[in-house]
Protein backbone atom coordinates (compact mmCIF):
# COMPACT_ATOMS: atom_id res chain seq x y z
CA UNK A 1 9.51 97.48 -31.96
CA UNK A 2 8.59 97.30 -35.61
CA UNK A 3 11.84 98.16 -37.93
CA UNK A 4 10.95 99.43 -41.43
CA UNK A 5 13.88 98.84 -43.60
CA UNK A 6 12.07 100.24 -46.72
CA UNK A 7 11.68 103.27 -49.02
CA UNK A 8 10.10 106.53 -47.54
CA UNK A 9 7.08 105.06 -45.44
CA UNK A 10 8.00 106.70 -42.36
CA UNK A 11 4.80 108.96 -42.52
CA UNK A 12 2.58 109.58 -39.62
CA UNK A 13 -0.30 108.13 -41.09
CA UNK A 14 1.82 104.66 -41.72
CA UNK A 15 3.11 104.64 -37.99
CA UNK A 16 -0.48 105.35 -36.72
CA UNK A 17 -1.56 101.83 -38.32
CA UNK A 18 0.56 99.79 -36.14
CA UNK A 19 -0.46 101.76 -32.77
CA UNK A 20 -1.40 99.09 -30.17
CA UNK A 21 0.54 96.33 -32.03
CA UNK A 22 3.99 97.44 -30.76
CA UNK A 23 5.51 99.98 -28.74
CA UNK A 24 8.16 101.50 -31.16
CA UNK A 25 8.61 101.58 -34.62
CA UNK A 26 12.03 102.80 -36.44
CA UNK A 27 12.32 103.84 -40.18
CA UNK A 28 13.83 106.62 -42.33
CA UNK A 29 12.08 109.61 -43.64
CA UNK A 30 14.29 109.57 -46.86
CA UNK A 31 15.02 106.58 -48.99
CA UNK A 32 17.42 104.53 -47.68
CA UNK A 33 20.89 103.85 -49.62
CA UNK A 34 20.78 99.93 -51.22
CA UNK A 35 23.50 99.14 -48.50
CA UNK A 36 20.71 98.75 -46.06
CA UNK A 37 21.18 98.74 -42.09
CA UNK A 38 24.46 97.84 -40.29
CA UNK A 39 22.99 94.66 -38.80
CA UNK A 40 26.28 93.16 -37.73
CA UNK A 41 27.22 96.34 -35.99
CA UNK A 42 23.89 96.55 -34.27
CA UNK A 43 23.43 93.10 -33.28
CA UNK A 44 26.60 93.03 -31.53
CA UNK A 45 25.72 95.95 -29.26
CA UNK A 46 22.19 94.25 -28.79
CA UNK A 47 24.06 91.07 -27.61
CA UNK A 48 26.15 92.62 -25.27
CA UNK A 49 23.26 94.85 -23.80
CA UNK A 50 20.21 92.37 -23.17
CA UNK A 51 18.79 94.42 -20.55
CA UNK A 52 17.91 97.06 -23.08
CA UNK A 53 14.15 98.09 -23.61
CA UNK A 54 12.55 98.95 -26.59
CA UNK A 55 13.85 102.53 -26.42
CA UNK A 56 17.23 101.94 -25.85
CA UNK A 57 17.66 99.42 -28.45
CA UNK A 58 15.98 101.46 -30.83
CA UNK A 59 18.47 104.47 -29.78
CA UNK A 60 21.10 101.93 -30.51
CA UNK A 61 19.98 101.29 -33.78
CA UNK A 62 19.63 104.98 -34.73
CA UNK A 63 23.15 105.72 -33.81
CA UNK A 64 24.57 102.68 -35.71
CA UNK A 65 22.77 103.75 -38.60
CA UNK A 66 23.85 107.32 -38.77
CA UNK A 67 27.54 105.85 -37.77
CA UNK A 68 27.72 103.68 -40.67
CA UNK A 69 26.68 106.22 -42.98
CA UNK A 70 29.13 109.17 -41.42
CA UNK A 71 32.65 107.66 -42.90
CA UNK A 72 31.56 103.82 -41.09
CA UNK A 73 31.32 100.93 -42.73
CA UNK A 74 28.94 101.79 -45.34
CA UNK A 75 30.85 104.80 -46.43
CA UNK A 76 29.14 108.48 -46.51
CA UNK A 77 25.65 109.09 -47.72
CA UNK A 78 22.70 111.06 -47.10
CA UNK A 79 20.70 109.63 -44.64
CA UNK A 80 17.74 109.77 -42.14
CA UNK A 81 16.70 107.48 -39.48
CA UNK A 82 14.56 107.65 -36.12
CA UNK A 83 12.80 106.09 -33.46
CA UNK A 84 9.49 106.93 -32.47
CA UNK A 85 7.29 106.05 -29.32
CA UNK A 86 3.85 104.71 -30.59
CA UNK A 87 2.55 104.53 -27.07
CA UNK A 88 2.35 108.42 -27.48
CA UNK A 89 0.25 108.92 -30.40
CA UNK A 90 -3.22 109.43 -28.91
CA UNK A 91 -2.02 112.69 -27.18
CA UNK A 92 -0.10 113.74 -30.34
CA UNK A 93 -2.94 113.01 -32.83
CA UNK A 94 -5.12 115.40 -30.54
CA UNK A 95 -2.13 118.18 -30.88
CA UNK A 96 -2.39 117.49 -34.74
CA UNK A 97 -5.95 117.83 -34.89
CA UNK A 98 -6.05 121.12 -32.94
CA UNK A 99 -3.30 122.29 -35.62
CA UNK A 100 -5.01 121.63 -38.80
CA UNK A 101 -8.68 122.82 -37.21
CA UNK A 102 -6.41 126.37 -36.59
CA UNK A 103 -5.12 126.40 -40.28
CA UNK A 104 -8.52 125.66 -41.81
CA UNK A 105 -10.22 128.23 -39.50
CA UNK A 106 -9.28 131.34 -41.75
CA UNK A 107 -9.23 131.32 -45.55
CA UNK A 108 -6.63 134.03 -45.53
CA UNK A 109 -4.42 131.02 -44.05
CA UNK A 110 -4.46 129.11 -47.40
CA UNK A 111 -1.55 130.81 -49.47
CA UNK A 112 0.53 130.73 -46.29
CA UNK A 113 0.28 127.44 -45.97
CA UNK A 114 0.72 126.39 -49.37
CA UNK A 115 3.88 128.40 -49.16
CA UNK A 116 5.17 126.75 -45.89
CA UNK A 117 4.51 123.48 -47.51
CA UNK A 118 6.63 123.99 -50.64
CA UNK A 119 9.53 125.12 -47.86
CA UNK A 120 9.34 122.29 -45.76
CA UNK A 121 11.76 119.42 -45.81
CA UNK A 122 10.85 116.96 -48.28
CA UNK A 123 12.28 113.73 -49.72
CA UNK A 124 12.09 111.15 -52.94
CA UNK A 125 8.52 111.20 -52.28
CA UNK A 126 7.74 114.80 -52.65
CA UNK A 127 4.75 114.78 -51.01
CA UNK A 128 6.41 113.31 -47.81
CA UNK A 129 7.27 116.69 -45.62
CA UNK A 130 9.17 116.51 -42.31
CA UNK A 131 6.15 117.36 -39.79
CA UNK A 132 8.18 119.66 -37.47
CA UNK A 133 9.81 121.50 -40.22
CA UNK A 134 6.24 122.06 -41.72
CA UNK A 135 5.07 123.45 -38.28
CA UNK A 136 7.87 125.90 -38.32
CA UNK A 137 7.59 126.91 -41.83
CA UNK A 138 4.03 127.80 -40.72
CA UNK A 139 4.78 130.00 -37.77
CA UNK A 140 7.37 131.74 -39.83
CA UNK A 141 4.38 132.73 -42.18
CA UNK A 142 1.33 132.94 -39.65
CA UNK A 143 1.80 134.58 -36.45
CA UNK A 144 -1.68 134.58 -34.65
CA UNK A 145 -1.57 133.48 -31.40
CA UNK A 146 -4.03 130.54 -31.91
CA UNK A 147 -2.03 129.19 -34.86
CA UNK A 148 1.43 129.59 -32.75
CA UNK A 149 -0.32 127.90 -29.28
CA UNK A 150 -1.69 124.88 -31.63
CA UNK A 151 1.63 124.75 -33.63
CA UNK A 152 3.97 124.68 -29.98
CA UNK A 153 1.72 122.21 -28.61
CA UNK A 154 2.10 119.83 -31.78
CA UNK A 155 5.54 120.41 -32.02
CA UNK A 156 6.36 119.68 -28.18
CA UNK A 157 4.02 116.44 -28.83
CA UNK A 158 6.38 115.39 -31.64
CA UNK A 159 9.74 116.82 -30.20
CA UNK A 160 9.53 116.04 -26.73
CA UNK A 161 7.06 112.59 -26.74
CA UNK A 162 6.77 111.18 -29.92
CA UNK A 163 10.16 110.94 -31.34
CA UNK A 164 12.95 109.35 -28.95
CA UNK A 165 15.86 109.81 -31.00
CA UNK A 166 16.52 110.93 -34.87
CA UNK A 167 20.01 111.49 -36.98
CA UNK A 168 20.93 112.71 -40.14
CA UNK A 169 23.82 112.40 -42.55
CA UNK A 170 25.17 114.14 -45.41
CA UNK A 171 23.63 117.02 -46.70
CA UNK A 172 20.54 118.12 -47.92
CA UNK A 173 18.41 116.67 -45.13
CA UNK A 174 19.22 118.75 -42.23
CA UNK A 175 15.42 119.97 -41.54
CA UNK A 176 14.60 116.32 -40.76
CA UNK A 177 13.22 115.94 -36.95
CA UNK A 178 12.21 112.16 -37.37
CA UNK A 179 8.62 111.88 -38.78
CA UNK A 180 7.13 112.94 -41.97
CA UNK A 181 3.39 113.39 -42.91
CA UNK A 182 1.39 113.33 -46.18
CA UNK A 183 0.96 116.87 -47.59
CA UNK A 184 0.90 116.65 -51.54
CA UNK A 185 1.87 119.29 -53.67
CA UNK A 186 0.44 117.83 -56.85
CA UNK A 187 -3.56 116.81 -57.85
CA UNK A 188 -3.99 114.23 -55.22
CA UNK A 189 -8.01 113.65 -55.19
CA UNK A 190 -7.57 110.02 -56.77
CA UNK A 191 -5.91 109.32 -53.48
CA UNK A 192 -7.87 110.88 -51.04
CA UNK A 193 -10.85 108.40 -50.73
CA UNK A 194 -7.97 105.66 -50.12
CA UNK A 195 -6.83 108.02 -47.24
CA UNK A 196 -9.85 108.38 -45.53
CA UNK A 197 -10.03 104.88 -44.45
CA UNK A 198 -6.67 105.23 -42.64
CA UNK A 199 -7.03 105.32 -38.67
CA UNK A 200 -5.01 108.62 -38.82
CA UNK A 201 -7.50 110.27 -41.04
CA UNK A 202 -10.37 109.07 -39.12
CA UNK A 203 -8.98 110.51 -35.76
CA UNK A 204 -7.83 113.93 -37.47
CA UNK A 205 -8.75 116.39 -39.74
CA UNK A 206 -5.94 116.00 -41.92
CA UNK A 207 -7.75 114.56 -44.74
CA UNK A 208 -10.10 117.67 -44.35
CA UNK A 209 -6.89 119.60 -44.09
CA UNK A 210 -5.60 118.50 -47.27
CA UNK A 211 -8.63 118.32 -49.25
CA UNK A 212 -9.89 122.16 -48.24
CA UNK A 213 -6.16 123.15 -49.43
CA UNK A 214 -6.65 121.39 -52.91
CA UNK A 215 -10.22 122.66 -53.27
CA UNK A 216 -9.27 126.17 -52.90
CA UNK A 217 -5.39 126.42 -54.49
CA UNK A 218 -5.60 123.70 -57.32
CA UNK A 219 -2.32 121.46 -57.16
CA UNK A 220 -0.73 122.66 -53.91
C-alpha cells in the first residue's frame, strides 16, 4: 500500500505513476485537515488483525479516518478519503481513453463538456474534479448513445473495480466518489508539456482532450 497523507494529489494521473510498484493507494481528493490521520486508532486495528490483506487494511484506514472527522477523535470537518486498486488501472485507462475519444468526436459537445467541468465536484485545487461526478455531469448534458455507452463503461471501471472504498464527512463534498482527475478551468498551456510526460497521458487521450477544449473554448 502507498498512503498519501498530503494535500490534494489524489489524481488518476498521480496514482498511475506508481502502478506496478504497489497494489493499493490511499489518499484524499480534498486537502486534508492539519490534524492528519488517526494513526493510533488505525494501527490498533491493524495490529489486532494481522491477517488483513492490502484491500482490507485500506478499507479499515478509510473507515477510521472518516470516523475520526465525523464527531470522533479529530472532531468534525469536511473530508474525503478512499482506497483504490492499482491493479485494475490498465482496464480503467482503456475505458478513460474510449470516453475521451467520444467527447472529442463531435465539436458540438465542447460547450456541454465545458459546462460539465464547471458543474463537477471540485476541491481546494479547482482544476481537480471528481471523475465519477464529471461523468455524471457529462451524461446529464450529452445523451447520444455512443457517449452514454463509453460513460457507463468508464463509470463501471471506476466504481465497481478501481475504487474499493471511499468516505466523505461534513458538507460540500457529497459528490466525491474516490478519485479525481485533472480538468483545468484556467489557461493551462504552460503545464501541458510536463503533463504529456506522465504515464496517464501516454496511455490515454486525456491530454489531447484537455488541449482540444483549451484551443476551442479558451480558458475552460
